[in-house]
Amino acid sequence: MPEFYLIPKRLARKAPVLASIAQWIEAAVFRFIFALMRKLSLEHALRLSAFTFGLASVYSDKASKAHTNLAIAFPDSSPEWRGRTTKKIFRCLGYSAAELLKLEQIWKEREQRIEFVLEPEARKHMESKHATVFMTAHVGAWQVASLVTRHFGYTINAIYAPESNPIVQELLLASRRSFGEKLISAAAGPRPLIKALKAGESIIMAMDTRPDTGKLIPFFGVDALTNTSAVGLALRNGAAVVVSRAERLPGGRYRITVYDPLVSPIPDAPIKEQAVAMTEIVHHYFEDWIREYPQEWVCLKRRWPKAHKL
């Protein structure tokens, strides 16, 4: 996750005192915005949050990361298009923040707000409540994607990336805890994931960001460091791997799509090779979504290695 949202990192990191002040300011801003959004209707909260985060795009050094990611994913695009799209990405980050705070309301009003679309084998699988590793990407309303697991009665563990600002992290995690999700830090390692899967529980995670370690797997035709361990854990523990997404529709409504469970294209190969092959399939899903809605891909961290590291 970004180290600083509203203040350029170079400025904030010149001295520890500046970093502390930056985090305090950000926490105060987020606390005020979150408190206000909780009192607003979903539609008004979405507009307020999108406007606020859109303003941050002018000052955040994360805009350059998004711009670079778009240049690699869309090599034929113009700098002007990437600039416009980057501003829209920050607005979508605002939408996602509001959706996290409003998850309980979205869930209570699900008959009016949510359309569930399940492929044939996906429906059978969801009704079985079998242990599953659900995978999505930071595209569209990814915060809403987990609601399909609640709809089918799954016990879900959400993987989250720790925030550098402890106050902001607690604000965000409190929303998830109040919704009943179990939370596992991405820095916790595989043990809590294995424990959850062996207990018949399921895991949901966004898989389109760059991890600290992993395999180089093509993403938009360019090798990108990618986490394959999640698929490997599913294969080793008899869990299914399912890709799902949530799309925003007009009027504060959403469409959640669950695809058929993935099948290994090389079932007789070692698990590590199967994990790589299945992760490549996951990447194909993500590429399709991003091509369809590039302005909704919240890519504020460098996705590909720098050229000299390839």
C-alpha atoms as a PDB file:
ATOM      1  CA  MET A   1       0.000   0.000   0.000  1.00  0.00           C
ATOM      2  CA  PRO A   2       1.198   3.587  -0.479  1.00  0.00           C
ATOM      3  CA  GLU A   3       3.413   4.898   2.312  1.00  0.00           C
ATOM      4  CA  PHE A   4       1.823   8.334   2.083  1.00  0.00           C
ATOM      5  CA  TYR A   5      -1.444   9.200   0.322  1.00  0.00           C
ATOM      6  CA  LEU A   6      -1.813  12.963   0.442  1.00  0.00           C
ATOM      7  CA  ILE A   7       1.787  14.156   0.747  1.00  0.00           C
ATOM      8  CA  PRO A   8       4.735  13.486  -1.629  1.00  0.00           C
ATOM      9  CA  LYS A   9       6.956  10.757  -0.184  1.00  0.00           C
ATOM     10  CA  ARG A  10      10.201  12.636  -0.868  1.00  0.00           C
ATOM     11  CA  LEU A  11       8.981  15.609   1.121  1.00  0.00           C
ATOM     12  CA  ALA A  12       7.603  13.569   3.999  1.00  0.00           C
ATOM     13  CA  ARG A  13      10.701  11.365   4.308  1.00  0.00           C
ATOM     14  CA  LYS A  14      13.304  14.122   4.465  1.00  0.00           C
ATOM     15  CA  ALA A  15      13.213  13.824   8.256  1.00  0.00           C
ATOM     16  CA  PRO A  16      11.443  11.564  10.765  1.00  0.00           C
ATOM     17  CA  VAL A  17       9.600  14.581  12.162  1.00  0.00           C
ATOM     18  CA  LEU A  18       8.176  15.388   8.724  1.00  0.00           C
ATOM     19  CA  ALA A  19       7.092  11.776   8.285  1.00  0.00           C
ATOM     20  CA  SER A  20       5.280  11.826  11.635  1.00  0.00           C
ATOM     21  CA  ILE A  21       3.566  15.098  10.788  1.00  0.00           C
ATOM     22  CA  ALA A  22       2.569  13.744   7.365  1.00  0.00           C
ATOM     23  CA  GLN A  23       1.018  10.651   8.895  1.00  0.00           C
ATOM     24  CA  TRP A  24      -0.779  12.697  11.550  1.00  0.00           C
ATOM     25  CA  ILE A  25      -2.232  15.016   8.912  1.00  0.00           C
ATOM     26  CA  GLU A  26      -3.328  12.103   6.727  1.00  0.00           C
ATOM     27  CA  ALA A  27      -4.904  10.320   9.703  1.00  0.00           C
ATOM     28  CA  ALA A  28      -6.829  13.455  10.676  1.00  0.00           C
ATOM     29  CA  VAL A  29      -8.052  13.952   7.102  1.00  0.00           C
ATOM     30  CA  PHE A  30      -9.109  10.326   6.724  1.00  0.00           C
ATOM     31  CA  ARG A  31     -10.774  10.239  10.151  1.00  0.00           C
ATOM     32  CA  PHE A  32     -12.875  13.312   9.274  1.00  0.00           C
ATOM     33  CA  ILE A  33     -13.786  12.039   5.790  1.00  0.00           C
ATOM     34  CA  PHE A  34     -14.660   8.558   7.063  1.00  0.00           C
ATOM     35  CA  ALA A  35     -16.844   9.929   9.870  1.00  0.00           C
ATOM     36  CA  LEU A  36     -18.668  12.154   7.384  1.00  0.00           C
ATOM     37  CA  MET A  37     -19.139   9.372   4.826  1.00  0.00           C
ATOM     38  CA  ARG A  38     -20.707   7.083   7.419  1.00  0.00           C
ATOM     39  CA  LYS A  39     -23.471   9.656   7.893  1.00  0.00           C
ATOM     40  CA  LEU A  40     -24.108  10.138   4.189  1.00  0.00           C
ATOM     41  CA  SER A  41     -26.096   7.993   1.799  1.00  0.00           C
ATOM     42  CA  LEU A  42     -24.041   5.581  -0.298  1.00  0.00           C
ATOM     43  CA  GLU A  43     -24.408   7.727  -3.401  1.00  0.00           C
ATOM     44  CA  HIS A  44     -23.290  10.917  -1.625  1.00  0.00           C
ATOM     45  CA  ALA A  45     -20.426   9.101   0.123  1.00  0.00           C
ATOM     46  CA  LEU A  46     -19.167   7.803  -3.220  1.00  0.00           C
ATOM     47  CA  ARG A  47     -19.192  11.265  -4.747  1.00  0.00           C
ATOM     48  CA  LEU A  48     -17.476  12.903  -1.766  1.00  0.00           C
ATOM     49  CA  SER A  49     -14.764  10.271  -1.536  1.00  0.00           C
ATOM     50  CA  ALA A  50     -14.104  10.287  -5.281  1.00  0.00           C
ATOM     51  CA  PHE A  51     -13.796  14.081  -5.252  1.00  0.00           C
ATOM     52  CA  THR A  52     -11.389  14.056  -2.279  1.00  0.00           C
ATOM     53  CA  PHE A  53      -9.124  11.353  -3.653  1.00  0.00           C
ATOM     54  CA  GLY A  54      -9.258  12.984  -7.069  1.00  0.00           C
ATOM     55  CA  LEU A  55      -7.761  16.120  -5.548  1.00  0.00           C
ATOM     56  CA  ALA A  56      -4.964  14.022  -4.042  1.00  0.00           C
ATOM     57  CA  SER A  57      -3.881  12.878  -7.511  1.00  0.00           C
ATOM     58  CA  VAL A  58      -2.397  16.317  -8.134  1.00  0.00           C
ATOM     59  CA  TYR A  59      -0.095  16.089  -5.115  1.00  0.00           C
ATOM     60  CA  SER A  60       0.604  12.373  -4.694  1.00  0.00           C
ATOM     61  CA  ASP A  61       3.807  10.854  -6.028  1.00  0.00           C
ATOM     62  CA  LYS A  62       1.796   7.684  -6.556  1.00  0.00           C
ATOM     63  CA  ALA A  63       0.411   9.259  -9.728  1.00  0.00           C
ATOM     64  CA  SER A  64       3.728   8.608 -11.455  1.00  0.00           C
ATOM     65  CA  LYS A  65       3.551   4.917 -10.498  1.00  0.00           C
ATOM     66  CA  ALA A  66       0.084   4.621 -12.017  1.00  0.00           C
ATOM     67  CA  HIS A  67       1.252   6.498 -15.117  1.00  0.00           C
ATOM     68  CA  THR A  68       4.192   4.083 -15.552  1.00  0.00           C
ATOM     69  CA  ASN A  69       2.020   1.008 -15.073  1.00  0.00           C
ATOM     70  CA  LEU A  70      -0.408   2.259 -17.699  1.00  0.00           C
ATOM     71  CA  ALA A  71       2.463   2.916 -20.120  1.00  0.00           C
ATOM     72  CA  ILE A  72       3.566  -0.732 -19.849  1.00  0.00           C
ATOM     73  CA  ALA A  73       0.063  -2.199 -19.985  1.00  0.00           C
ATOM     74  CA  PHE A  74      -0.979   0.105 -22.843  1.00  0.00           C
ATOM     75  CA  PRO A  75       2.230   0.801 -24.805  1.00  0.00           C
ATOM     76  CA  ASP A  76       0.363   2.463 -27.676  1.00  0.00           C
ATOM     77  CA  SER A  77      -1.381   4.982 -25.434  1.00  0.00           C
ATOM     78  CA  SER A  78      -0.485   8.674 -25.399  1.00  0.00           C
ATOM     79  CA  PRO A  79       0.910  10.554 -22.372  1.00  0.00           C
ATOM     80  CA  GLU A  80      -2.240  12.675 -22.389  1.00  0.00           C
ATOM     81  CA  TRP A  81      -4.477   9.595 -22.164  1.00  0.00           C
ATOM     82  CA  ARG A  82      -2.374   8.175 -19.348  1.00  0.00           C
ATOM     83  CA  GLY A  83      -2.571  11.480 -17.475  1.00  0.00           C
ATOM     84  CA  ARG A  84      -6.363  11.633 -17.756  1.00  0.00           C
ATOM     85  CA  THR A  85      -6.704   7.980 -16.818  1.00  0.00           C
ATOM     86  CA  THR A  86      -4.455   8.392 -13.773  1.00  0.00           C
ATOM     87  CA  LYS A  87      -6.742  11.118 -12.413  1.00  0.00           C
ATOM     88  CA  LYS A  88      -9.722   8.790 -12.866  1.00  0.00           C
ATOM     89  CA  ILE A  89      -7.826   6.021 -11.045  1.00  0.00           C
ATOM     90  CA  PHE A  90      -7.558   8.219  -7.952  1.00  0.00           C
ATOM     91  CA  ARG A  91     -11.288   8.878  -8.117  1.00  0.00           C
ATOM     92  CA  CYS A  92     -11.852   5.126  -8.237  1.00  0.00           C
ATOM     93  CA  LEU A  93      -9.640   4.739  -5.174  1.00  0.00           C
ATOM     94  CA  GLY A  94     -12.057   7.128  -3.479  1.00  0.00           C
ATOM     95  CA  TYR A  95     -14.999   4.998  -4.564  1.00  0.00           C
ATOM     96  CA  SER A  96     -13.327   1.950  -3.061  1.00  0.00           C
ATOM     97  CA  ALA A  97     -12.705   3.689   0.261  1.00  0.00           C
ATOM     98  CA  ALA A  98     -16.367   4.670   0.474  1.00  0.00           C
ATOM     99  CA  GLU A  99     -17.484   1.158  -0.468  1.00  0.00           C
ATOM    100  CA  LEU A 100     -15.379  -0.318   2.323  1.00  0.00           C
ATOM    101  CA  LEU A 101     -17.026   1.992   4.847  1.00  0.00           C
ATOM    102  CA  LYS A 102     -20.461   1.282   3.402  1.00  0.00           C
ATOM    103  CA  LEU A 103     -20.166  -2.505   3.023  1.00  0.00           C
ATOM    104  CA  GLU A 104     -22.731  -3.174   5.728  1.00  0.00           C
ATOM    105  CA  GLN A 105     -25.256  -0.877   4.053  1.00  0.00           C
ATOM    106  CA  ILE A 106     -24.579  -2.413   0.633  1.00  0.00           C
ATOM    107  CA  TRP A 107     -25.098  -5.852   2.151  1.00  0.00           C
ATOM    108  CA  LYS A 108     -28.349  -4.909   3.901  1.00  0.00           C
ATOM    109  CA  GLU A 109     -29.664  -3.428   0.651  1.00  0.00           C
ATOM    110  CA  ARG A 110     -28.286  -6.257  -1.523  1.00  0.00           C
ATOM    111  CA  GLU A 111     -31.619  -7.075  -3.133  1.00  0.00           C
ATOM    112  CA  GLN A 112     -31.704  -3.606  -4.657  1.00  0.00           C
ATOM    113  CA  ARG A 113     -27.968  -3.075  -5.103  1.00  0.00           C
ATOM    114  CA  ILE A 114     -26.269  -6.366  -6.017  1.00  0.00           C
ATOM    115  CA  GLU A 115     -26.620  -8.610  -9.050  1.00  0.00           C
ATOM    116  CA  PHE A 116     -24.910 -11.996  -8.614  1.00  0.00           C
ATOM    117  CA  VAL A 117     -23.695 -13.724 -11.798  1.00  0.00           C
ATOM    118  CA  LEU A 118     -22.233 -17.214 -11.441  1.00  0.00           C
ATOM    119  CA  GLU A 119     -20.978 -19.501 -14.173  1.00  0.00           C
ATOM    120  CA  PRO A 120     -22.524 -23.025 -14.023  1.00  0.00           C
ATOM    121  CA  GLU A 121     -19.695 -24.818 -12.208  1.00  0.00           C
ATOM    122  CA  ALA A 122     -19.127 -21.787 -10.019  1.00  0.00           C
ATOM    123  CA  ARG A 123     -22.676 -21.987  -8.680  1.00  0.00           C
ATOM    124  CA  LYS A 124     -22.287 -25.667  -7.840  1.00  0.00           C
ATOM    125  CA  HIS A 125     -19.025 -24.950  -6.115  1.00  0.00           C
ATOM    126  CA  MET A 126     -20.351 -21.990  -4.099  1.00  0.00           C
ATOM    127  CA  GLU A 127     -23.287 -24.049  -2.888  1.00  0.00           C
ATOM    128  CA  SER A 128     -20.855 -26.736  -1.682  1.00  0.00           C
ATOM    129  CA  LYS A 129     -19.037 -24.235   0.597  1.00  0.00           C
ATOM    130  CA  HIS A 130     -15.798 -26.095  -0.101  1.00  0.00           C
ATOM    131  CA  ALA A 131     -12.566 -24.406   1.044  1.00  0.00           C
ATOM    132  CA  THR A 132     -11.546 -21.905  -1.613  1.00  0.00           C
ATOM    133  CA  VAL A 133      -8.891 -19.355  -2.443  1.00  0.00           C
ATOM    134  CA  PHE A 134     -10.848 -16.507  -4.036  1.00  0.00           C
ATOM    135  CA  MET A 135      -8.782 -14.206  -6.233  1.00  0.00           C
ATOM    136  CA  THR A 136      -9.652 -10.761  -7.471  1.00  0.00           C
ATOM    137  CA  ALA A 137      -7.786  -7.632  -8.596  1.00  0.00           C
ATOM    138  CA  HIS A 138      -7.833  -3.957  -7.666  1.00  0.00           C
ATOM    139  CA  VAL A 139     -10.185  -3.312 -10.574  1.00  0.00           C
ATOM    140  CA  GLY A 140     -13.678  -1.916 -10.199  1.00  0.00           C
ATOM    141  CA  ALA A 141     -15.423  -2.392  -6.840  1.00  0.00           C
ATOM    142  CA  TRP A 142     -12.999  -4.949  -5.456  1.00  0.00           C
ATOM    143  CA  GLN A 143     -14.047  -4.174  -1.855  1.00  0.00           C
ATOM    144  CA  VAL A 144     -17.541  -5.393  -2.741  1.00  0.00           C
ATOM    145  CA  ALA A 145     -16.376  -8.656  -4.351  1.00  0.00           C
ATOM    146  CA  SER A 146     -16.226 -10.467  -0.996  1.00  0.00           C
ATOM    147  CA  LEU A 147     -19.976 -10.078  -0.458  1.00  0.00           C
ATOM    148  CA  VAL A 148     -20.641 -13.093  -2.643  1.00  0.00           C
ATOM    149  CA  THR A 149     -18.915 -15.272  -0.047  1.00  0.00           C
ATOM    150  CA  ARG A 150     -21.251 -13.960   2.635  1.00  0.00           C
ATOM    151  CA  HIS A 151     -24.216 -14.554   0.334  1.00  0.00           C
ATOM    152  CA  PHE A 152     -23.303 -18.252   0.208  1.00  0.00           C
ATOM    153  CA  GLY A 153     -22.363 -18.546   3.888  1.00  0.00           C
ATOM    154  CA  TYR A 154     -18.592 -18.902   3.618  1.00  0.00           C
ATOM    155  CA  THR A 155     -16.222 -18.294   6.513  1.00  0.00           C
ATOM    156  CA  ILE A 156     -13.813 -15.911   4.861  1.00  0.00           C
ATOM    157  CA  ASN A 157     -10.303 -14.740   5.709  1.00  0.00           C
ATOM    158  CA  ALA A 158      -9.305 -11.509   3.965  1.00  0.00           C
ATOM    159  CA  ILE A 159      -5.640 -10.930   3.162  1.00  0.00           C
ATOM    160  CA  TYR A 160      -4.622  -7.313   3.616  1.00  0.00           C
ATOM    161  CA  ALA A 161      -1.432  -5.350   2.977  1.00  0.00           C
ATOM    162  CA  PRO A 162      -0.333  -3.532   6.147  1.00  0.00           C
ATOM    163  CA  GLU A 163      -0.524   0.261   6.046  1.00  0.00           C
ATOM    164  CA  SER A 164       2.550   2.245   7.062  1.00  0.00           C
ATOM    165  CA  ASN A 165       0.296   4.727   8.860  1.00  0.00           C
ATOM    166  CA  PRO A 166      -0.987   2.815  11.936  1.00  0.00           C
ATOM    167  CA  ILE A 167      -3.927   5.162  12.483  1.00  0.00           C
ATOM    168  CA  VAL A 168      -5.150   4.817   8.902  1.00  0.00           C
ATOM    169  CA  GLN A 169      -4.656   1.048   9.106  1.00  0.00           C
ATOM    170  CA  GLU A 170      -6.811   0.787  12.219  1.00  0.00           C
ATOM    171  CA  LEU A 171      -9.534   2.880  10.583  1.00  0.00           C
ATOM    172  CA  LEU A 172      -9.615   0.562   7.577  1.00  0.00           C
ATOM    173  CA  LEU A 173      -9.331  -2.708   9.502  1.00  0.00           C
ATOM    174  CA  ALA A 174     -12.081  -1.685  11.917  1.00  0.00           C
ATOM    175  CA  SER A 175     -14.505  -1.563   8.984  1.00  0.00           C
ATOM    176  CA  ARG A 176     -13.588  -5.100   7.979  1.00  0.00           C
ATOM    177  CA  ARG A 177     -13.759  -6.419  11.560  1.00  0.00           C
ATOM    178  CA  SER A 178     -17.181  -4.916  12.120  1.00  0.00           C
ATOM    179  CA  PHE A 179     -18.328  -6.774   9.029  1.00  0.00           C
ATOM    180  CA  GLY A 180     -17.247 -10.118  10.527  1.00  0.00           C
ATOM    181  CA  GLU A 181     -14.312 -10.933   8.277  1.00  0.00           C
ATOM    182  CA  LYS A 182     -11.225 -12.596   9.664  1.00  0.00           C
ATOM    183  CA  LEU A 183      -8.123 -10.613   8.753  1.00  0.00           C
ATOM    184  CA  ILE A 184      -4.674 -11.965   7.889  1.00  0.00           C
ATOM    185  CA  SER A 185      -1.751  -9.674   7.172  1.00  0.00           C
ATOM    186  CA  ALA A 186       0.127 -10.348   3.946  1.00  0.00           C
ATOM    187  CA  ALA A 187       3.281 -10.218   6.080  1.00  0.00           C
ATOM    188  CA  ALA A 188       2.122 -13.096   8.320  1.00  0.00           C
ATOM    189  CA  GLY A 189       3.449 -15.837   6.034  1.00  0.00           C
ATOM    190  CA  PRO A 190       1.709 -19.050   4.958  1.00  0.00           C
ATOM    191  CA  ARG A 191       0.899 -20.616   8.349  1.00  0.00           C
ATOM    192  CA  PRO A 192      -2.376 -18.789   9.065  1.00  0.00           C
ATOM    193  CA  LEU A 193      -3.484 -19.455   5.479  1.00  0.00           C
ATOM    194  CA  ILE A 194      -2.766 -23.171   5.787  1.00  0.00           C
ATOM    195  CA  LYS A 195      -4.587 -23.259   9.123  1.00  0.00           C
ATOM    196  CA  ALA A 196      -7.644 -21.587   7.616  1.00  0.00           C
ATOM    197  CA  LEU A 197      -7.791 -23.916   4.606  1.00  0.00           C
ATOM    198  CA  LYS A 198      -7.360 -27.049   6.745  1.00  0.00           C
ATOM    199  CA  ALA A 199     -10.228 -25.855   8.924  1.00  0.00           C
ATOM    200  CA  GLY A 200     -12.431 -25.698   5.819  1.00  0.00           C
ATOM    201  CA  GLU A 201     -12.404 -21.921   5.723  1.00  0.00           C
ATOM    202  CA  SER A 202     -11.704 -19.799   2.662  1.00  0.00           C
ATOM    203  CA  ILE A 203      -9.396 -16.952   1.697  1.00  0.00           C
ATOM    204  CA  ILE A 204      -9.921 -13.904  -0.484  1.00  0.00           C
ATOM    205  CA  MET A 205      -7.097 -11.756  -1.818  1.00  0.00           C
ATOM    206  CA  ALA A 206      -6.260  -9.225  -4.506  1.00  0.00           C
ATOM    207  CA  MET A 207      -3.507 -10.694  -6.655  1.00  0.00           C
ATOM    208  CA  ASP A 208      -2.528  -7.930  -9.068  1.00  0.00           C
ATOM    209  CA  THR A 209       0.075  -6.120  -6.950  1.00  0.00           C
ATOM    210  CA  ARG A 210       3.838  -6.695  -6.877  1.00  0.00           C
ATOM    211  CA  PRO A 211       4.956  -8.889  -3.953  1.00  0.00           C
ATOM    212  CA  ASP A 212       8.396  -8.806  -2.357  1.00  0.00           C
ATOM    213  CA  THR A 213       9.125 -12.335  -3.590  1.00  0.00           C
ATOM    214  CA  GLY A 214       7.619 -14.571  -6.241  1.00  0.00           C
ATOM    215  CA  LYS A 215       7.955 -15.779  -9.805  1.00  0.00           C
ATOM    216  CA  LEU A 216       8.373 -13.694 -12.942  1.00  0.00           C
ATOM    217  CA  ILE A 217       5.180 -14.315 -14.907  1.00  0.00           C
ATOM    218  CA  PRO A 218       4.041 -12.400 -18.020  1.00  0.00           C
ATOM    219  CA  PHE A 219       1.487  -9.680 -17.326  1.00  0.00           C
ATOM    220  CA  PHE A 220       0.452  -7.738 -20.418  1.00  0.00           C
ATOM    221  CA  GLY A 221       3.344  -9.511 -22.142  1.00  0.00           C
ATOM    222  CA  VAL A 222       6.010  -8.222 -19.737  1.00  0.00           C
ATOM    223  CA  ASP A 223       7.482 -10.317 -16.930  1.00  0.00           C
ATOM    224  CA  ALA A 224       6.148  -9.213 -13.543  1.00  0.00           C
ATOM    225  CA  LEU A 225       7.030 -10.517 -10.091  1.00  0.00           C
ATOM    226  CA  THR A 226       3.948 -12.451  -9.011  1.00  0.00           C
ATOM    227  CA  ASN A 227       2.781 -14.418  -5.983  1.00  0.00           C
ATOM    228  CA  THR A 228       2.227 -18.068  -6.949  1.00  0.00           C
ATOM    229  CA  SER A 229       2.232 -19.403  -3.382  1.00  0.00           C
ATOM    230  CA  ALA A 230      -1.501 -18.804  -2.914  1.00  0.00           C
ATOM    231  CA  VAL A 231      -2.358 -21.168  -5.765  1.00  0.00           C
ATOM    232  CA  GLY A 232       0.265 -23.591  -4.477  1.00  0.00           C
ATOM    233  CA  LEU A 233      -1.334 -23.608  -1.027  1.00  0.00           C
ATOM    234  CA  ALA A 234      -4.728 -24.310  -2.571  1.00  0.00           C
ATOM    235  CA  LEU A 235      -3.341 -27.231  -4.564  1.00  0.00           C
ATOM    236  CA  ARG A 236      -1.508 -28.699  -1.554  1.00  0.00           C
ATOM    237  CA  ASN A 237      -4.518 -28.423   0.744  1.00  0.00           C
ATOM    238  CA  GLY A 238      -7.256 -29.574  -1.625  1.00  0.00           C
ATOM    239  CA  ALA A 239      -8.846 -26.138  -1.928  1.00  0.00           C
ATOM    240  CA  ALA A 240     -10.348 -24.687  -5.081  1.00  0.00           C
ATOM    241  CA  VAL A 241      -9.073 -21.566  -6.852  1.00  0.00           C
ATOM    242  CA  VAL A 242     -11.860 -19.231  -7.961  1.00  0.00           C
ATOM    243  CA  VAL A 243     -11.633 -15.856  -9.681  1.00  0.00           C
ATOM    244  CA  SER A 244     -14.295 -13.254  -8.948  1.00  0.00           C
ATOM    245  CA  ARG A 245     -14.855  -9.591  -9.710  1.00  0.00           C
ATOM    246  CA  ALA A 246     -17.226  -6.782  -8.796  1.00  0.00           C
ATOM    247  CA  GLU A 247     -18.289  -4.098 -11.274  1.00  0.00           C
ATOM    248  CA  ARG A 248     -19.900  -0.752 -10.569  1.00  0.00           C
ATOM    249  CA  LEU A 249     -23.258  -0.150 -12.191  1.00  0.00           C
ATOM    250  CA  PRO A 250     -25.246   3.110 -12.343  1.00  0.00           C
ATOM    251  CA  GLY A 251     -27.210   4.188  -9.291  1.00  0.00           C
ATOM    252  CA  GLY A 252     -24.989   2.710  -6.599  1.00  0.00           C
ATOM    253  CA  ARG A 253     -25.504  -0.848  -7.835  1.00  0.00           C
ATOM    254  CA  TYR A 254     -23.000  -3.658  -8.404  1.00  0.00           C
ATOM    255  CA  ARG A 255     -22.523  -6.817 -10.397  1.00  0.00           C
ATOM    256  CA  ILE A 256     -20.480  -9.586  -8.754  1.00  0.00           C
ATOM    257  CA  THR A 257     -19.321 -12.298 -11.149  1.00  0.00           C
ATOM    258  CA  VAL A 258     -17.886 -15.633 -10.017  1.00  0.00           C
ATOM    259  CA  TYR A 259     -16.100 -17.713 -12.640  1.00  0.00           C
ATOM    260  CA  ASP A 260     -15.846 -21.493 -12.775  1.00  0.00           C
ATOM    261  CA  PRO A 261     -13.130 -22.937 -10.493  1.00  0.00           C
ATOM    262  CA  LEU A 262      -9.775 -23.065 -12.242  1.00  0.00           C
ATOM    263  CA  VAL A 263      -8.501 -26.390 -13.512  1.00  0.00           C
ATOM    264  CA  SER A 264      -4.787 -27.054 -13.805  1.00  0.00           C
ATOM    265  CA  PRO A 265      -3.751 -27.309 -17.479  1.00  0.00           C
ATOM    266  CA  ILE A 266      -0.887 -29.614 -16.417  1.00  0.00           C
ATOM    267  CA  PRO A 267      -2.348 -31.803 -13.626  1.00  0.00           C
ATOM    268  CA  ASP A 268       0.507 -34.322 -13.719  1.00  0.00           C
ATOM    269  CA  ALA A 269       3.247 -31.700 -13.273  1.00  0.00           C
ATOM    270  CA  PRO A 270       4.811 -30.785  -9.910  1.00  0.00           C
ATOM    271  CA  ILE A 271       2.692 -28.450  -7.808  1.00  0.00           C
ATOM    272  CA  LYS A 272       5.087 -25.519  -8.297  1.00  0.00           C
ATOM    273  CA  GLU A 273       4.711 -25.781 -12.077  1.00  0.00           C
ATOM    274  CA  GLN A 274       0.936 -26.129 -11.812  1.00  0.00           C
ATOM    275  CA  ALA A 275       0.827 -23.040  -9.582  1.00  0.00           C
ATOM    276  CA  VAL A 276       2.693 -20.997 -12.199  1.00  0.00           C
ATOM    277  CA  ALA A 277       0.434 -22.227 -15.017  1.00  0.00           C
ATOM    278  CA  MET A 278      -2.744 -21.469 -13.071  1.00  0.00           C
ATOM    279  CA  THR A 279      -1.477 -18.042 -12.020  1.00  0.00           C
ATOM    280  CA  GLU A 280      -0.925 -17.258 -15.704  1.00  0.00           C
ATOM    281  CA  ILE A 281      -4.617 -18.024 -16.245  1.00  0.00           C
ATOM    282  CA  VAL A 282      -5.511 -15.652 -13.393  1.00  0.00           C
ATOM    283  CA  HIS A 283      -3.425 -12.964 -15.112  1.00  0.00           C
ATOM    284  CA  HIS A 284      -5.471 -13.397 -18.292  1.00  0.00           C
ATOM    285  CA  TYR A 285      -8.652 -12.602 -16.341  1.00  0.00           C
ATOM    286  CA  PHE A 286      -7.059  -9.498 -14.829  1.00  0.00           C
ATOM    287  CA  GLU A 287      -5.755  -8.308 -18.210  1.00  0.00           C
ATOM    288  CA  ASP A 288      -9.256  -8.544 -19.692  1.00  0.00           C
ATOM    289  CA  TRP A 289     -10.748  -6.525 -16.842  1.00  0.00           C
ATOM    290  CA  ILE A 290      -8.067  -3.834 -17.024  1.00  0.00           C
ATOM    291  CA  ARG A 291      -8.397  -3.497 -20.789  1.00  0.00           C
ATOM    292  CA  GLU A 292     -12.143  -3.044 -20.316  1.00  0.00           C
ATOM    293  CA  TYR A 293     -11.827  -0.501 -17.476  1.00  0.00           C
ATOM    294  CA  PRO A 294      -8.282   0.932 -17.384  1.00  0.00           C
ATOM    295  CA  GLN A 295      -9.507   3.919 -15.373  1.00  0.00           C
ATOM    296  CA  GLU A 296     -10.640   1.542 -12.609  1.00  0.00           C
ATOM    297  CA  TRP A 297      -7.320  -0.253 -12.135  1.00  0.00           C
ATOM    298  CA  VAL A 298      -5.976   1.147  -8.865  1.00  0.00           C
ATOM    299  CA  CYS A 299      -2.298   0.556  -9.599  1.00  0.00           C
ATOM    300  CA  LEU A 300      -0.474   2.920  -7.245  1.00  0.00           C
ATOM    301  CA  LYS A 301       2.577   0.722  -6.730  1.00  0.00           C
ATOM    302  CA  ARG A 302       5.119  -0.170  -9.401  1.00  0.00           C
ATOM    303  CA  ARG A 303       3.833  -3.452 -10.883  1.00  0.00           C
ATOM    304  CA  TRP A 304       6.807  -4.426 -13.029  1.00  0.00           C
ATOM    305  CA  PRO A 305      10.492  -4.557 -12.128  1.00  0.00           C
ATOM    306  CA  LYS A 306      12.606  -1.632 -13.199  1.00  0.00           C
ATOM    307  CA  ALA A 307      14.226  -2.172 -16.602  1.00  0.00           C
ATOM    308  CA  HIS A 308      17.678  -2.865 -15.162  1.00  0.00           C
ATOM    309  CA  LYS A 309      16.256  -5.629 -12.938  1.00  0.00           C
ATOM    310  CA  LEU A 310      14.659  -7.614 -15.747  1.00  0.00           C
END
